[in-house]
């Protein structure tokens, strides 16, 4: 959905991911990022979330800021 067209160091990528997660938690007033546990394991998938368009827009906007 979005690309910043440059490579990031691991530290930069982790900082961006933490910013996105912390922002979404703050908007939702939640202590934890709300993934859910699934009894049936899906190959290659480690985290699942309920689709929330507003959260996608927050993440997208934060990624846009990283392009600058």
PDB file of N, CA and C in Angstrom:
ATOM      1  N   UNK A   1       0.814  -1.199   0.000  1.00  0.00           N
ATOM      2  CA  UNK A   1       0.000   0.000   0.000  1.00  0.00           C
ATOM      3  C   UNK A   1       0.856   1.260   0.000  1.00  0.00           C
ATOM      4  N   UNK A   2       2.019   1.162   0.612  1.00  0.00           N
ATOM      5  CA  UNK A   2       2.850   2.348   0.706  1.00  0.00           C
ATOM      6  C   UNK A   2       4.312   1.923   0.665  1.00  0.00           C
ATOM      7  N   UNK A   3       5.119   2.725   0.059  1.00  0.00           N
ATOM      8  CA  UNK A   3       6.553   2.466   0.018  1.00  0.00           C
ATOM      9  C   UNK A   3       7.278   3.780   0.226  1.00  0.00           C
ATOM     10  N   UNK A   4       8.379   3.726   0.924  1.00  0.00           N
ATOM     11  CA  UNK A   4       9.158   4.937   1.132  1.00  0.00           C
ATOM     12  C   UNK A   4      10.317   5.040   0.148  1.00  0.00           C
ATOM     13  N   UNK A   5      10.486   4.054  -0.709  1.00  0.00           N
ATOM     14  CA  UNK A   5      11.501   4.068  -1.754  1.00  0.00           C
ATOM     15  C   UNK A   5      12.930   4.194  -1.253  1.00  0.00           C
ATOM     16  N   UNK A   6      13.171   3.790  -0.061  1.00  0.00           N
ATOM     17  CA  UNK A   6      14.557   3.736   0.413  1.00  0.00           C
ATOM     18  C   UNK A   6      14.681   2.636   1.446  1.00  0.00           C
ATOM     19  N   UNK A   7      15.892   2.169   1.654  1.00  0.00           N
ATOM     20  CA  UNK A   7      16.123   1.120   2.647  1.00  0.00           C
ATOM     21  C   UNK A   7      16.326   1.770   4.010  1.00  0.00           C
ATOM     22  N   UNK A   8      15.801   1.119   5.029  1.00  0.00           N
ATOM     23  CA  UNK A   8      15.957   1.587   6.402  1.00  0.00           C
ATOM     24  C   UNK A   8      16.829   0.607   7.163  1.00  0.00           C
ATOM     25  N   UNK A   9      17.538   1.117   8.148  1.00  0.00           N
ATOM     26  CA  UNK A   9      18.264   0.214   9.035  1.00  0.00           C
ATOM     27  C   UNK A   9      17.239  -0.491   9.907  1.00  0.00           C
ATOM     28  N   UNK A  10      17.656  -1.546  10.538  1.00  0.00           N
ATOM     29  CA  UNK A  10      16.755  -2.267  11.442  1.00  0.00           C
ATOM     30  C   UNK A  10      16.247  -1.339  12.541  1.00  0.00           C
ATOM     31  N   UNK A  11      17.136  -0.511  13.082  1.00  0.00           N
ATOM     32  CA  UNK A  11      16.758   0.405  14.158  1.00  0.00           C
ATOM     33  C   UNK A  11      15.712   1.407  13.680  1.00  0.00           C
ATOM     34  N   UNK A  12      15.896   1.940  12.474  1.00  0.00           N
ATOM     35  CA  UNK A  12      14.921   2.889  11.927  1.00  0.00           C
ATOM     36  C   UNK A  12      13.559   2.215  11.728  1.00  0.00           C
ATOM     37  N   UNK A  13      13.578   1.015  11.172  1.00  0.00           N
ATOM     38  CA  UNK A  13      12.328   0.290  10.928  1.00  0.00           C
ATOM     39  C   UNK A  13      11.608  -0.027  12.237  1.00  0.00           C
ATOM     40  N   UNK A  14      12.359  -0.450  13.250  1.00  0.00           N
ATOM     41  CA  UNK A  14      11.748  -0.748  14.549  1.00  0.00           C
ATOM     42  C   UNK A  14      11.181   0.511  15.196  1.00  0.00           C
ATOM     43  N   UNK A  15      11.874   1.650  15.031  1.00  0.00           N
ATOM     44  CA  UNK A  15      11.372   2.907  15.583  1.00  0.00           C
ATOM     45  C   UNK A  15      10.073   3.322  14.893  1.00  0.00           C
ATOM     46  N   UNK A  16      10.021   3.168  13.581  1.00  0.00           N
ATOM     47  CA  UNK A  16       8.801   3.508  12.840  1.00  0.00           C
ATOM     48  C   UNK A  16       7.650   2.598  13.268  1.00  0.00           C
ATOM     49  N   UNK A  17       7.920   1.295  13.368  1.00  0.00           N
ATOM     50  CA  UNK A  17       6.874   0.356  13.793  1.00  0.00           C
ATOM     51  C   UNK A  17       6.373   0.705  15.201  1.00  0.00           C
ATOM     52  N   UNK A  18       7.301   1.018  16.114  1.00  0.00           N
ATOM     53  CA  UNK A  18       6.905   1.370  17.481  1.00  0.00           C
ATOM     54  C   UNK A  18       6.063   2.647  17.492  1.00  0.00           C
ATOM     55  N   UNK A  19       6.434   3.620  16.679  1.00  0.00           N
ATOM     56  CA  UNK A  19       5.662   4.861  16.590  1.00  0.00           C
ATOM     57  C   UNK A  19       4.235   4.584  16.133  1.00  0.00           C
ATOM     58  N   UNK A  20       4.103   3.756  15.099  1.00  0.00           N
ATOM     59  CA  UNK A  20       2.766   3.411  14.602  1.00  0.00           C
ATOM     60  C   UNK A  20       1.960   2.699  15.675  1.00  0.00           C
ATOM     61  N   UNK A  21       2.553   1.694  16.310  1.00  0.00           N
ATOM     62  CA  UNK A  21       1.823   0.934  17.337  1.00  0.00           C
ATOM     63  C   UNK A  21       1.464   1.811  18.532  1.00  0.00           C
ATOM     64  N   UNK A  22       2.402   2.637  18.994  1.00  0.00           N
ATOM     65  CA  UNK A  22       2.129   3.520  20.138  1.00  0.00           C
ATOM     66  C   UNK A  22       1.034   4.532  19.809  1.00  0.00           C
ATOM     67  N   UNK A  23       1.050   5.048  18.591  1.00  0.00           N
ATOM     68  CA  UNK A  23       0.018   6.011  18.189  1.00  0.00           C
ATOM     69  C   UNK A  23      -1.353   5.369  18.168  1.00  0.00           C
ATOM     70  N   UNK A  24      -1.455   4.175  17.603  1.00  0.00           N
ATOM     71  CA  UNK A  24      -2.747   3.480  17.547  1.00  0.00           C
ATOM     72  C   UNK A  24      -3.230   3.130  18.955  1.00  0.00           C
ATOM     73  N   UNK A  25      -2.318   2.684  19.825  1.00  0.00           N
ATOM     74  CA  UNK A  25      -2.711   2.389  21.212  1.00  0.00           C
ATOM     75  C   UNK A  25      -3.220   3.647  21.906  1.00  0.00           C
ATOM     76  N   UNK A  26      -2.564   4.778  21.673  1.00  0.00           N
ATOM     77  CA  UNK A  26      -2.981   6.029  22.312  1.00  0.00           C
ATOM     78  C   UNK A  26      -4.346   6.477  21.809  1.00  0.00           C
ATOM     79  N   UNK A  27      -4.568   6.369  20.503  1.00  0.00           N
ATOM     80  CA  UNK A  27      -5.856   6.763  19.928  1.00  0.00           C
ATOM     81  C   UNK A  27      -6.980   5.902  20.512  1.00  0.00           C
ATOM     82  N   UNK A  28      -6.715   4.613  20.701  1.00  0.00           N
ATOM     83  CA  UNK A  28      -7.710   3.685  21.235  1.00  0.00           C
ATOM     84  C   UNK A  28      -7.733   3.673  22.763  1.00  0.00           C
ATOM     85  N   UNK A  29      -6.795   4.404  23.383  1.00  0.00           N
ATOM     86  CA  UNK A  29      -6.669   4.412  24.833  1.00  0.00           C
ATOM     87  C   UNK A  29      -6.506   2.992  25.378  1.00  0.00           C
ATOM     88  N   UNK A  30      -5.590   2.248  24.748  1.00  0.00           N
ATOM     89  CA  UNK A  30      -5.328   0.859  25.138  1.00  0.00           C
ATOM     90  C   UNK A  30      -3.884   0.715  25.605  1.00  0.00           C
ATOM     91  N   UNK A  31      -3.685  -0.199  26.527  1.00  0.00           N
ATOM     92  CA  UNK A  31      -2.336  -0.445  27.031  1.00  0.00           C
ATOM     93  C   UNK A  31      -1.537  -1.312  26.057  1.00  0.00           C
ATOM     94  N   UNK A  32      -2.217  -2.248  25.380  1.00  0.00           N
ATOM     95  CA  UNK A  32      -1.553  -3.188  24.483  1.00  0.00           C
ATOM     96  C   UNK A  32      -2.104  -3.068  23.074  1.00  0.00           C
ATOM     97  N   UNK A  33      -1.254  -3.359  22.109  1.00  0.00           N
ATOM     98  CA  UNK A  33      -1.681  -3.414  20.721  1.00  0.00           C
ATOM     99  C   UNK A  33      -2.573  -4.644  20.591  1.00  0.00           C
ATOM    100  N   UNK A  34      -3.746  -4.518  20.038  1.00  0.00           N
ATOM    101  CA  UNK A  34      -4.768  -5.560  20.154  1.00  0.00           C
ATOM    102  C   UNK A  34      -4.774  -6.590  19.030  1.00  0.00           C
ATOM    103  N   UNK A  35      -3.752  -7.455  19.018  1.00  0.00           N
ATOM    104  CA  UNK A  35      -3.764  -8.639  18.165  1.00  0.00           C
ATOM    105  C   UNK A  35      -4.610  -9.695  18.866  1.00  0.00           C
ATOM    106  N   UNK A  36      -5.023 -10.716  18.160  1.00  0.00           N
ATOM    107  CA  UNK A  36      -5.759 -11.776  18.831  1.00  0.00           C
ATOM    108  C   UNK A  36      -5.082 -13.117  18.625  1.00  0.00           C
ATOM    109  N   UNK A  37      -5.380 -14.031  19.534  1.00  0.00           N
ATOM    110  CA  UNK A  37      -4.819 -15.376  19.501  1.00  0.00           C
ATOM    111  C   UNK A  37      -5.772 -16.278  18.749  1.00  0.00           C
ATOM    112  N   UNK A  38      -5.217 -17.103  17.861  1.00  0.00           N
ATOM    113  CA  UNK A  38      -6.014 -18.047  17.085  1.00  0.00           C
ATOM    114  C   UNK A  38      -5.518 -19.445  17.395  1.00  0.00           C
ATOM    115  N   UNK A  39      -6.426 -20.332  17.818  1.00  0.00           N
ATOM    116  CA  UNK A  39      -6.028 -21.707  18.135  1.00  0.00           C
ATOM    117  C   UNK A  39      -5.447 -22.435  16.925  1.00  0.00           C
ATOM    118  N   UNK A  40      -6.040 -22.201  15.760  1.00  0.00           N
ATOM    119  CA  UNK A  40      -5.563 -22.850  14.543  1.00  0.00           C
ATOM    120  C   UNK A  40      -4.400 -22.032  13.987  1.00  0.00           C
ATOM    121  N   UNK A  41      -3.244 -22.665  13.887  1.00  0.00           N
ATOM    122  CA  UNK A  41      -2.060 -21.975  13.377  1.00  0.00           C
ATOM    123  C   UNK A  41      -2.166 -21.822  11.857  1.00  0.00           C
ATOM    124  N   UNK A  42      -1.853 -20.646  11.370  1.00  0.00           N
ATOM    125  CA  UNK A  42      -1.826 -20.385   9.944  1.00  0.00           C
ATOM    126  C   UNK A  42      -0.369 -20.246   9.530  1.00  0.00           C
ATOM    127  N   UNK A  43       0.057 -21.035   8.593  1.00  0.00           N
ATOM    128  CA  UNK A  43       1.452 -21.074   8.190  1.00  0.00           C
ATOM    129  C   UNK A  43       1.964 -19.689   7.795  1.00  0.00           C
ATOM    130  N   UNK A  44       3.058 -19.259   8.436  1.00  0.00           N
ATOM    131  CA  UNK A  44       3.711 -18.011   8.086  1.00  0.00           C
ATOM    132  C   UNK A  44       3.098 -16.767   8.698  1.00  0.00           C
ATOM    133  N   UNK A  45       2.003 -16.905   9.429  1.00  0.00           N
ATOM    134  CA  UNK A  45       1.339 -15.736  10.009  1.00  0.00           C
ATOM    135  C   UNK A  45       1.592 -15.730  11.519  1.00  0.00           C
ATOM    136  N   UNK A  46       2.145 -14.638  12.005  1.00  0.00           N
ATOM    137  CA  UNK A  46       2.466 -14.564  13.431  1.00  0.00           C
ATOM    138  C   UNK A  46       1.542 -13.624  14.191  1.00  0.00           C
ATOM    139  N   UNK A  47       0.907 -12.677  13.493  1.00  0.00           N
ATOM    140  CA  UNK A  47       0.007 -11.737  14.160  1.00  0.00           C
ATOM    141  C   UNK A  47      -1.228 -11.521  13.293  1.00  0.00           C
ATOM    142  N   UNK A  48      -2.374 -11.399  13.942  1.00  0.00           N
ATOM    143  CA  UNK A  48      -3.601 -11.097  13.207  1.00  0.00           C
ATOM    144  C   UNK A  48      -4.350 -10.004  13.954  1.00  0.00           C
ATOM    145  N   UNK A  49      -5.015  -9.150  13.191  1.00  0.00           N
ATOM    146  CA  UNK A  49      -5.774  -8.052  13.767  1.00  0.00           C
ATOM    147  C   UNK A  49      -7.107  -7.941  13.054  1.00  0.00           C
ATOM    148  N   UNK A  50      -8.094  -7.443  13.753  1.00  0.00           N
ATOM    149  CA  UNK A  50      -9.371  -7.132  13.141  1.00  0.00           C
ATOM    150  C   UNK A  50      -9.160  -5.918  12.234  1.00  0.00           C
ATOM    151  N   UNK A  51      -9.699  -5.967  11.003  1.00  0.00           N
ATOM    152  CA  UNK A  51      -9.537  -4.855  10.063  1.00  0.00           C
ATOM    153  C   UNK A  51     -10.194  -3.608  10.635  1.00  0.00           C
ATOM    154  N   UNK A  52      -9.453  -2.514  10.639  1.00  0.00           N
ATOM    155  CA  UNK A  52      -9.966  -1.243  11.116  1.00  0.00           C
ATOM    156  C   UNK A  52      -9.429  -0.162  10.170  1.00  0.00           C
ATOM    157  N   UNK A  53     -10.300   0.348   9.325  1.00  0.00           N
ATOM    158  CA  UNK A  53      -9.893   1.308   8.299  1.00  0.00           C
ATOM    159  C   UNK A  53      -9.234   2.545   8.912  1.00  0.00           C
ATOM    160  N   UNK A  54      -9.754   3.033  10.020  1.00  0.00           N
ATOM    161  CA  UNK A  54      -9.182   4.231  10.653  1.00  0.00           C
ATOM    162  C   UNK A  54      -7.736   3.977  11.081  1.00  0.00           C
ATOM    163  N   UNK A  55      -7.454   2.789  11.611  1.00  0.00           N
ATOM    164  CA  UNK A  55      -6.082   2.464  12.015  1.00  0.00           C
ATOM    165  C   UNK A  55      -5.161   2.379  10.804  1.00  0.00           C
ATOM    166  N   UNK A  56      -5.661   1.852   9.712  1.00  0.00           N
ATOM    167  CA  UNK A  56      -4.858   1.780   8.491  1.00  0.00           C
ATOM    168  C   UNK A  56      -4.493   3.188   8.028  1.00  0.00           C
ATOM    169  N   UNK A  57      -5.428   4.107   8.131  1.00  0.00           N
ATOM    170  CA  UNK A  57      -5.167   5.480   7.725  1.00  0.00           C
ATOM    171  C   UNK A  57      -4.135   6.146   8.628  1.00  0.00           C
ATOM    172  N   UNK A  58      -4.157   5.841   9.925  1.00  0.00           N
ATOM    173  CA  UNK A  58      -3.150   6.374  10.851  1.00  0.00           C
ATOM    174  C   UNK A  58      -1.774   5.841  10.459  1.00  0.00           C
ATOM    175  N   UNK A  59      -1.675   4.541  10.231  1.00  0.00           N
ATOM    176  CA  UNK A  59      -0.394   3.941   9.846  1.00  0.00           C
ATOM    177  C   UNK A  59       0.094   4.526   8.523  1.00  0.00           C
ATOM    178  N   UNK A  60      -0.801   4.668   7.577  1.00  0.00           N
ATOM    179  CA  UNK A  60      -0.442   5.224   6.267  1.00  0.00           C
ATOM    180  C   UNK A  60       0.102   6.650   6.416  1.00  0.00           C
ATOM    181  N   UNK A  61      -0.567   7.456   7.208  1.00  0.00           N
ATOM    182  CA  UNK A  61      -0.138   8.854   7.418  1.00  0.00           C
ATOM    183  C   UNK A  61       1.250   8.898   8.071  1.00  0.00           C
ATOM    184  N   UNK A  62       1.491   8.022   9.029  1.00  0.00           N
ATOM    185  CA  UNK A  62       2.801   7.995   9.688  1.00  0.00           C
ATOM    186  C   UNK A  62       3.891   7.540   8.727  1.00  0.00           C
ATOM    187  N   UNK A  63       3.586   6.582   7.847  1.00  0.00           N
ATOM    188  CA  UNK A  63       4.561   6.176   6.847  1.00  0.00           C
ATOM    189  C   UNK A  63       4.856   7.310   5.864  1.00  0.00           C
ATOM    190  N   UNK A  64       3.831   8.075   5.532  1.00  0.00           N
ATOM    191  CA  UNK A  64       4.039   9.225   4.645  1.00  0.00           C
ATOM    192  C   UNK A  64       5.032  10.205   5.266  1.00  0.00           C
ATOM    193  N   UNK A  65       4.946  10.401   6.581  1.00  0.00           N
ATOM    194  CA  UNK A  65       5.879  11.311   7.260  1.00  0.00           C
ATOM    195  C   UNK A  65       7.314  10.826   7.164  1.00  0.00           C
ATOM    196  N   UNK A  66       7.488   9.494   7.092  1.00  0.00           N
ATOM    197  CA  UNK A  66       8.832   8.926   7.027  1.00  0.00           C
ATOM    198  C   UNK A  66       9.498   9.187   5.682  1.00  0.00           C
ATOM    199  N   UNK A  67       8.708   9.498   4.678  1.00  0.00           N
ATOM    200  CA  UNK A  67       9.277   9.773   3.362  1.00  0.00           C
ATOM    201  C   UNK A  67      10.015  11.095   3.333  1.00  0.00           C
ATOM    202  N   UNK A  68       9.682  11.969   4.252  1.00  0.00           N
ATOM    203  CA  UNK A  68      10.253  13.320   4.241  1.00  0.00           C
ATOM    204  C   UNK A  68      11.599  13.375   4.909  1.00  0.00           C
TER     205      UNK A  68
END
